[in-house]
C-alpha atoms as a PDB file:
ATOM      1  CA  UNK A   1      31.301   8.389 -12.481  1.00  0.00           C
ATOM      2  CA  UNK A   2      31.495   5.251  -9.735  1.00  0.00           C
ATOM      3  CA  UNK A   3      29.102   7.144  -8.014  1.00  0.00           C
ATOM      4  CA  UNK A   4      26.692   7.104 -10.240  1.00  0.00           C
ATOM      5  CA  UNK A   5      26.881   3.318 -11.012  1.00  0.00           C
ATOM      6  CA  UNK A   6      26.990   2.821  -7.061  1.00  0.00           C
ATOM      7  CA  UNK A   7      23.000   4.318  -7.031  1.00  0.00           C
ATOM      8  CA  UNK A   8      22.160   2.514  -9.486  1.00  0.00           C
ATOM      9  CA  UNK A   9      22.490  -0.855  -7.498  1.00  0.00           C
ATOM     10  CA  UNK A  10      19.775  -2.539  -5.011  1.00  0.00           C
ATOM     11  CA  UNK A  11      19.404  -2.288  -1.992  1.00  0.00           C
ATOM     12  CA  UNK A  12      19.658  -6.388  -2.441  1.00  0.00           C
ATOM     13  CA  UNK A  13      22.357  -5.839  -4.718  1.00  0.00           C
ATOM     14  CA  UNK A  14      23.798  -3.796  -1.875  1.00  0.00           C
ATOM     15  CA  UNK A  15      23.823  -5.730   0.891  1.00  0.00           C
ATOM     16  CA  UNK A  16      24.911  -9.017  -1.501  1.00  0.00           C
ATOM     17  CA  UNK A  17      27.740  -7.372  -2.596  1.00  0.00           C
ATOM     18  CA  UNK A  18      28.334  -6.738   1.054  1.00  0.00           C
ATOM     19  CA  UNK A  19      27.842 -10.895   1.772  1.00  0.00           C
ATOM     20  CA  UNK A  20      30.427 -11.213  -0.752  1.00  0.00           C
ATOM     21  CA  UNK A  21      33.149  -9.108   0.201  1.00  0.00           C
ATOM     22  CA  UNK A  22      33.211 -10.974   3.507  1.00  0.00           C
ATOM     23  CA  UNK A  23      34.233 -13.793   1.492  1.00  0.00           C
ATOM     24  CA  UNK A  24      31.034 -15.448   1.816  1.00  0.00           C
ATOM     25  CA  UNK A  25      29.438 -17.780  -1.650  1.00  0.00           C
ATOM     26  CA  UNK A  26      25.772 -17.552  -2.589  1.00  0.00           C
ATOM     27  CA  UNK A  27      25.013 -20.533  -1.120  1.00  0.00           C
ATOM     28  CA  UNK A  28      25.885 -19.059   2.352  1.00  0.00           C
ATOM     29  CA  UNK A  29      24.289 -15.393   1.454  1.00  0.00           C
ATOM     30  CA  UNK A  30      21.106 -16.428   0.073  1.00  0.00           C
ATOM     31  CA  UNK A  31      19.381 -17.385   3.690  1.00  0.00           C
ATOM     32  CA  UNK A  32      20.904 -14.250   5.021  1.00  0.00           C
ATOM     33  CA  UNK A  33      19.236 -12.136   2.503  1.00  0.00           C
ATOM     34  CA  UNK A  34      16.251 -14.631   2.190  1.00  0.00           C
ATOM     35  CA  UNK A  35      16.580 -15.359  -0.965  1.00  0.00           C
ATOM     36  CA  UNK A  36      17.181 -18.706  -3.283  1.00  0.00           C
ATOM     37  CA  UNK A  37      21.137 -18.749  -4.222  1.00  0.00           C
ATOM     38  CA  UNK A  38      20.465 -18.157  -7.918  1.00  0.00           C
ATOM     39  CA  UNK A  39      18.603 -15.330  -7.153  1.00  0.00           C
ATOM     40  CA  UNK A  40      21.693 -14.010  -5.285  1.00  0.00           C
ATOM     41  CA  UNK A  41      23.655 -15.280  -8.023  1.00  0.00           C
ATOM     42  CA  UNK A  42      22.261 -12.748 -10.526  1.00  0.00           C
ATOM     43  CA  UNK A  43      21.358 -10.048  -8.307  1.00  0.00           C
ATOM     44  CA  UNK A  44      25.690 -10.164  -8.388  1.00  0.00           C
ATOM     45  CA  UNK A  45      26.044 -11.092 -12.125  1.00  0.00           C
ATOM     46  CA  UNK A  46      24.041  -7.649 -12.762  1.00  0.00           C
ATOM     47  CA  UNK A  47      25.985  -5.889  -9.929  1.00  0.00           C
ATOM     48  CA  UNK A  48      28.892  -6.976 -11.403  1.00  0.00           C
ATOM     49  CA  UNK A  49      27.609  -5.605 -15.063  1.00  0.00           C
ATOM     50  CA  UNK A  50      26.691  -1.814 -13.211  1.00  0.00           C
ATOM     51  CA  UNK A  51      30.241  -2.222 -11.972  1.00  0.00           C
ATOM     52  CA  UNK A  52      32.347  -3.397 -15.583  1.00  0.00           C
ATOM     53  CA  UNK A  53      33.877  -5.704 -12.823  1.00  0.00           C
ATOM     54  CA  UNK A  54      35.454  -8.958 -13.997  1.00  0.00           C
ATOM     55  CA  UNK A  55      34.275 -10.721 -11.125  1.00  0.00           C
ATOM     56  CA  UNK A  56      32.163 -11.543  -8.197  1.00  0.00           C
ATOM     57  CA  UNK A  57      34.720 -10.530  -5.886  1.00  0.00           C
ATOM     58  CA  UNK A  58      36.060  -7.702  -7.643  1.00  0.00           C
ATOM     59  CA  UNK A  59      32.885  -5.724  -8.143  1.00  0.00           C
ATOM     60  CA  UNK A  60      32.286  -6.802  -4.342  1.00  0.00           C
ATOM     61  CA  UNK A  61      35.972  -5.084  -3.881  1.00  0.00           C
ATOM     62  CA  UNK A  62      34.522  -2.085  -5.710  1.00  0.00           C
ATOM     63  CA  UNK A  63      31.747  -1.532  -3.950  1.00  0.00           C
ATOM     64  CA  UNK A  64      33.132  -1.917  -0.381  1.00  0.00           C
ATOM     65  CA  UNK A  65      36.385   0.484  -1.083  1.00  0.00           C
ATOM     66  CA  UNK A  66      33.435   3.094  -2.866  1.00  0.00           C
ATOM     67  CA  UNK A  67      31.088   2.130  -0.059  1.00  0.00           C
ATOM     68  CA  UNK A  68      33.286   3.197   2.960  1.00  0.00           C
ATOM     69  CA  UNK A  69      34.856   6.419   0.510  1.00  0.00           C
ATOM     70  CA  UNK A  70      31.398   8.057   0.953  1.00  0.00           C
ATOM     71  CA  UNK A  71      30.807   9.803   3.955  1.00  0.00           C
ATOM     72  CA  UNK A  72      27.556   9.005   6.716  1.00  0.00           C
ATOM     73  CA  UNK A  73      25.106  11.589   6.298  1.00  0.00           C
ATOM     74  CA  UNK A  74      24.515  14.173   9.167  1.00  0.00           C
ATOM     75  CA  UNK A  75      21.089  13.611  11.215  1.00  0.00           C
ATOM     76  CA  UNK A  76      19.656  16.864  11.053  1.00  0.00           C
ATOM     77  CA  UNK A  77      18.102  18.130  13.635  1.00  0.00           C
ATOM     78  CA  UNK A  78      14.471  19.327  14.048  1.00  0.00           C
ATOM     79  CA  UNK A  79      13.311  22.537  15.597  1.00  0.00           C
ATOM     80  CA  UNK A  80      11.090  22.335  18.299  1.00  0.00           C
ATOM     81  CA  UNK A  81       7.682  23.498  16.969  1.00  0.00           C
ATOM     82  CA  UNK A  82       8.150  20.214  14.135  1.00  0.00           C
ATOM     83  CA  UNK A  83       5.283  17.781  16.111  1.00  0.00           C
ATOM     84  CA  UNK A  84       6.428  14.072  16.152  1.00  0.00           C
ATOM     85  CA  UNK A  85       3.538  11.931  16.128  1.00  0.00           C
ATOM     86  CA  UNK A  86       4.015   9.259  19.171  1.00  0.00           C
ATOM     87  CA  UNK A  87       2.493   5.955  18.773  1.00  0.00           C
ATOM     88  CA  UNK A  88       2.783   3.885  21.977  1.00  0.00           C
ATOM     89  CA  UNK A  89       0.111   1.244  20.945  1.00  0.00           C
ATOM     90  CA  UNK A  90      -2.712   0.380  23.386  1.00  0.00           C
ATOM     91  CA  UNK A  91      -3.145   3.871  24.742  1.00  0.00           C
ATOM     92  CA  UNK A  92      -5.090   4.117  28.573  1.00  0.00           C
ATOM     93  CA  UNK A  93      -7.363   6.722  27.362  1.00  0.00           C
ATOM     94  CA  UNK A  94      -9.909   6.348  24.235  1.00  0.00           C
ATOM     95  CA  UNK A  95      -8.413   7.542  21.362  1.00  0.00           C
ATOM     96  CA  UNK A  96     -11.734   9.818  20.597  1.00  0.00           C
ATOM     97  CA  UNK A  97     -14.702   9.781  21.851  1.00  0.00           C
ATOM     98  CA  UNK A  98     -17.488   9.252  18.540  1.00  0.00           C
ATOM     99  CA  UNK A  99     -21.209   9.060  17.855  1.00  0.00           C
ATOM    100  CA  UNK A 100     -21.629   5.590  17.670  1.00  0.00           C
ATOM    101  CA  UNK A 101     -24.950   3.649  17.142  1.00  0.00           C
ATOM    102  CA  UNK A 102     -25.603   2.092  20.201  1.00  0.00           C
ATOM    103  CA  UNK A 103     -23.791  -1.241  21.483  1.00  0.00           C
ATOM    104  CA  UNK A 104     -25.654  -3.894  21.116  1.00  0.00           C
ATOM    105  CA  UNK A 105     -25.205  -5.339  24.889  1.00  0.00           C
ATOM    106  CA  UNK A 106     -22.784  -2.948  25.582  1.00  0.00           C
ATOM    107  CA  UNK A 107     -19.900  -4.464  23.695  1.00  0.00           C
ATOM    108  CA  UNK A 108     -17.657  -2.724  21.331  1.00  0.00           C
ATOM    109  CA  UNK A 109     -18.216  -2.699  17.357  1.00  0.00           C
ATOM    110  CA  UNK A 110     -16.618  -5.551  15.437  1.00  0.00           C
ATOM    111  CA  UNK A 111     -13.947  -3.591  13.221  1.00  0.00           C
ATOM    112  CA  UNK A 112     -13.614  -0.184  14.877  1.00  0.00           C
ATOM    113  CA  UNK A 113     -10.696   1.831  15.319  1.00  0.00           C
ATOM    114  CA  UNK A 114      -7.629  -0.218  17.045  1.00  0.00           C
ATOM    115  CA  UNK A 115      -6.951   0.688  20.624  1.00  0.00           C
ATOM    116  CA  UNK A 116     -10.786   2.718  21.373  1.00  0.00           C
ATOM    117  CA  UNK A 117     -11.496   1.228  24.822  1.00  0.00           C
ATOM    118  CA  UNK A 118      -8.710   1.938  28.126  1.00  0.00           C
ATOM    119  CA  UNK A 119      -7.611  -1.831  29.848  1.00  0.00           C
ATOM    120  CA  UNK A 120     -10.769  -1.218  32.706  1.00  0.00           C
ATOM    121  CA  UNK A 121     -13.262  -1.305  29.319  1.00  0.00           C
ATOM    122  CA  UNK A 122     -11.160  -3.547  27.596  1.00  0.00           C
ATOM    123  CA  UNK A 123     -11.297  -5.902  30.326  1.00  0.00           C
ATOM    124  CA  UNK A 124     -14.687  -5.480  31.040  1.00  0.00           C
ATOM    125  CA  UNK A 125     -15.750  -6.245  27.645  1.00  0.00           C
ATOM    126  CA  UNK A 126     -14.064  -9.708  27.612  1.00  0.00           C
ATOM    127  CA  UNK A 127     -15.824 -10.087  30.815  1.00  0.00           C
ATOM    128  CA  UNK A 128     -18.685  -9.853  29.408  1.00  0.00           C
ATOM    129  CA  UNK A 129     -17.993 -11.940  26.282  1.00  0.00           C
ATOM    130  CA  UNK A 130     -17.136 -15.065  28.712  1.00  0.00           C
ATOM    131  CA  UNK A 131     -20.239 -14.740  30.525  1.00  0.00           C
ATOM    132  CA  UNK A 132     -22.423 -14.767  27.610  1.00  0.00           C
ATOM    133  CA  UNK A 133     -20.734 -17.592  26.332  1.00  0.00           C
ATOM    134  CA  UNK A 134     -20.475 -19.402  29.490  1.00  0.00           C
ATOM    135  CA  UNK A 135     -23.992 -18.571  29.194  1.00  0.00           C
ATOM    136  CA  UNK A 136     -24.697 -20.486  25.406  1.00  0.00           C
ATOM    137  CA  UNK A 137     -22.807 -23.142  26.781  1.00  0.00           C
ATOM    138  CA  UNK A 138     -24.541 -24.044  29.786  1.00  0.00           C
ATOM    139  CA  UNK A 139     -28.038 -23.571  27.742  1.00  0.00           C
ATOM    140  CA  UNK A 140     -26.824 -25.699  24.787  1.00  0.00           C
ATOM    141  CA  UNK A 141     -25.962 -28.272  27.369  1.00  0.00           C
ATOM    142  CA  UNK A 142     -29.500 -28.130  29.315  1.00  0.00           C
ATOM    143  CA  UNK A 143     -31.118 -28.638  26.106  1.00  0.00           C
ATOM    144  CA  UNK A 144     -28.601 -31.411  25.144  1.00  0.00           C
ATOM    145  CA  UNK A 145     -29.403 -33.396  28.687  1.00  0.00           C
ATOM    146  CA  UNK A 146     -33.022 -32.489  28.420  1.00  0.00           C
ATOM    147  CA  UNK A 147     -33.088 -33.642  24.790  1.00  0.00           C
ATOM    148  CA  UNK A 148     -31.169 -36.665  26.074  1.00  0.00           C
ATOM    149  CA  UNK A 149     -33.329 -37.467  29.086  1.00  0.00           C
ATOM    150  CA  UNK A 150     -36.491 -37.208  27.267  1.00  0.00           C
ATOM    151  CA  UNK A 151     -34.931 -39.743  25.356  1.00  0.00           C
ATOM    152  CA  UNK A 152     -34.375 -42.577  26.983  1.00  0.00           C
ATOM    153  CA  UNK A 153     -37.919 -42.522  28.471  1.00  0.00           C
END
């Protein structure tokens, strides 16, 4: 029956009760769980009601005793035929070979799937963008200098 009441507690209430069992106040618990101390008080009050305890210390004691008595769940070993997806983030090879519209200036499409280029392709794309921006900036500087020269005569 007590296990049913423990199951009704939220994860945040359980975390607050564990910290309260260590003798911490609401103001000490609040930054650890990322809540205000008033919210921590509310969580502990609701947990106290669920556990039928007279105060927060008794609720924390009941919870920790029950929590220690619950056996740990054993890990389930998976058979070899279960495929586990391997997500490493940046990959050396393209994620997929897709037939897309021609890329303007050979640059990758904006908003495409992440990690669809190899590192070398990324560096080439970064170089193309840097070269393109350098040409644009130089063109603006030359036009500005020519305009100043024309206006100063």
